[in-house]
Amino acid sequence: MYAIIETGGTQYRVEPGMKIEVPRLPNAEGENFTFDKVLLVVKDDKVVVGHPYIDGVKVSAIVNSHFRGKKIIVFKRKLRKGYEKTQGHRRDLTTVLIDKITKS
C-alpha cells in the first residue's frame, strides 16, 4: 500500500515505515503530524485518485528531526557590465517517519 501526498508544493510517494525529507514542519521532534492532502492511494492493485484530493484519507507521520539542507551557491553575472553577485541558500527541512495510511 502506498500513497502520494502533497506538502510544501511538492509531491511525495510514501509507504508505511518510510523516512522522507520535507520542507520544515511546525511540530516539535517526536510529535505526530498528519498529512491530509492525499492525491492518490494504491492498495492491492486498487487505485483511488482524488480530484484534487481524496476526502477522508490521511497519512500520519512522526517528526524525527529538523535540519538545514546542503548549501546552494547562486552566482549572477552580467557580461561586459562589471556586475557579479554571489549568494548562498540553505533550505530548512524536516525528516519524518511515515506511520500509517488511514481512511476515516
Protein backbone atom coordinates (compact mmCIF):
# COMPACT_ATOMS: atom_id res chain seq x y z
CA MET A 1 0.00 0.00 0.00
CA TYR A 2 1.28 3.43 -0.87
CA ALA A 3 0.03 6.98 -1.28
CA ILE A 4 1.06 10.19 -2.97
CA ILE A 5 0.88 13.24 -0.71
CA GLU A 6 1.49 16.93 -1.25
CA THR A 7 3.34 19.14 1.20
CA GLY A 8 5.30 22.32 0.67
CA GLY A 9 4.32 22.43 -3.01
CA THR A 10 6.00 19.07 -3.69
CA GLN A 11 4.52 15.60 -4.15
CA TYR A 12 5.96 12.53 -2.40
CA ARG A 13 5.28 8.79 -2.82
CA VAL A 14 5.08 7.34 0.70
CA GLU A 15 4.64 3.92 2.28
CA PRO A 16 4.35 2.96 5.97
CA GLY A 17 7.81 2.74 7.55
CA MET A 18 9.43 5.09 5.03
CA LYS A 19 11.57 8.12 6.01
CA ILE A 20 11.31 11.25 3.86
CA GLU A 21 12.65 14.79 3.96
CA VAL A 22 10.01 17.51 3.60
CA PRO A 23 10.09 21.31 3.98
CA ARG A 24 10.14 22.43 7.61
CA LEU A 25 7.06 21.45 9.64
CA PRO A 26 5.88 23.43 12.70
CA ASN A 27 5.77 20.39 15.01
CA ALA A 28 8.49 19.57 17.54
CA GLU A 29 10.63 16.44 17.30
CA GLY A 30 8.81 13.30 18.40
CA GLU A 31 5.32 14.72 17.77
CA ASN A 32 2.80 13.27 15.35
CA PHE A 33 1.87 15.08 12.14
CA THR A 34 -0.99 14.30 9.76
CA PHE A 35 -0.80 14.91 6.02
CA ASP A 36 -4.35 15.43 4.76
CA LYS A 37 -3.56 16.41 1.17
CA VAL A 38 -3.57 12.89 -0.29
CA LEU A 39 -3.65 12.78 -4.08
CA LEU A 40 -3.63 9.03 -4.75
CA VAL A 41 -3.85 5.76 -2.82
CA VAL A 42 -2.98 2.29 -4.14
CA LYS A 43 -3.95 -0.80 -2.13
CA ASP A 44 -3.94 -4.35 -3.55
CA ASP A 45 -3.98 -3.16 -7.19
CA LYS A 46 -6.94 -0.87 -6.46
CA VAL A 47 -6.19 2.76 -7.34
CA VAL A 48 -8.12 5.70 -5.88
CA VAL A 49 -7.41 9.10 -7.42
CA GLY A 50 -8.54 12.40 -5.88
CA HIS A 51 -9.89 15.48 -7.63
CA PRO A 52 -7.56 17.08 -6.46
CA TYR A 53 -7.52 15.41 -3.00
CA ILE A 54 -9.14 12.29 -1.59
CA ASP A 55 -11.66 13.03 1.17
CA GLY A 56 -11.24 11.09 4.42
CA VAL A 57 -7.77 9.67 3.72
CA LYS A 58 -4.90 10.79 5.95
CA VAL A 59 -1.24 9.86 6.24
CA SER A 60 0.11 10.04 9.79
CA ALA A 61 3.80 10.54 10.45
CA ILE A 62 6.22 11.09 13.33
CA VAL A 63 8.60 14.06 13.18
CA ASN A 64 12.17 12.75 13.60
CA SER A 65 14.43 15.77 13.24
CA HIS A 66 14.79 19.30 11.89
CA PHE A 67 17.88 20.28 9.94
CA ARG A 68 19.18 22.57 7.22
CA GLY A 69 19.89 21.23 3.75
CA LYS A 70 23.03 21.44 1.68
CA LYS A 71 24.19 24.94 0.75
CA ILE A 72 23.45 26.05 -2.80
CA ILE A 73 25.57 28.78 -4.38
CA VAL A 74 23.74 31.28 -6.60
CA PHE A 75 26.05 33.33 -8.88
CA LYS A 76 24.80 36.14 -11.09
CA ARG A 77 26.89 37.95 -13.68
CA LYS A 78 26.22 40.40 -16.49
CA LEU A 79 28.56 40.29 -19.43
CA ARG A 80 30.69 43.42 -20.02
CA LYS A 81 28.96 45.38 -17.22
CA GLY A 82 31.21 44.55 -14.26
CA TYR A 83 28.28 43.12 -12.29
CA GLU A 84 28.85 39.99 -10.21
CA LYS A 85 26.84 38.81 -7.25
CA THR A 86 27.23 35.64 -5.16
CA GLN A 87 24.55 34.40 -2.77
CA GLY A 88 24.06 31.23 -0.77
CA HIS A 89 20.85 29.44 0.14
CA ARG A 90 20.01 26.60 2.55
CA ARG A 91 16.56 25.05 2.90
CA ASP A 92 15.03 24.27 6.28
CA LEU A 93 13.98 20.61 6.20
CA THR A 94 12.29 18.06 8.45
CA THR A 95 12.75 14.28 8.44
CA VAL A 96 9.53 12.37 9.08
CA LEU A 97 8.79 8.67 9.52
CA ILE A 98 5.56 7.60 7.83
CA ASP A 99 3.49 5.70 10.38
CA LYS A 100 0.27 4.66 8.62
CA ILE A 101 -2.23 5.47 5.89
CA THR A 102 -5.80 5.59 7.19
CA LYS A 103 -9.25 6.13 5.75
CA SER A 104 -11.84 7.64 8.06
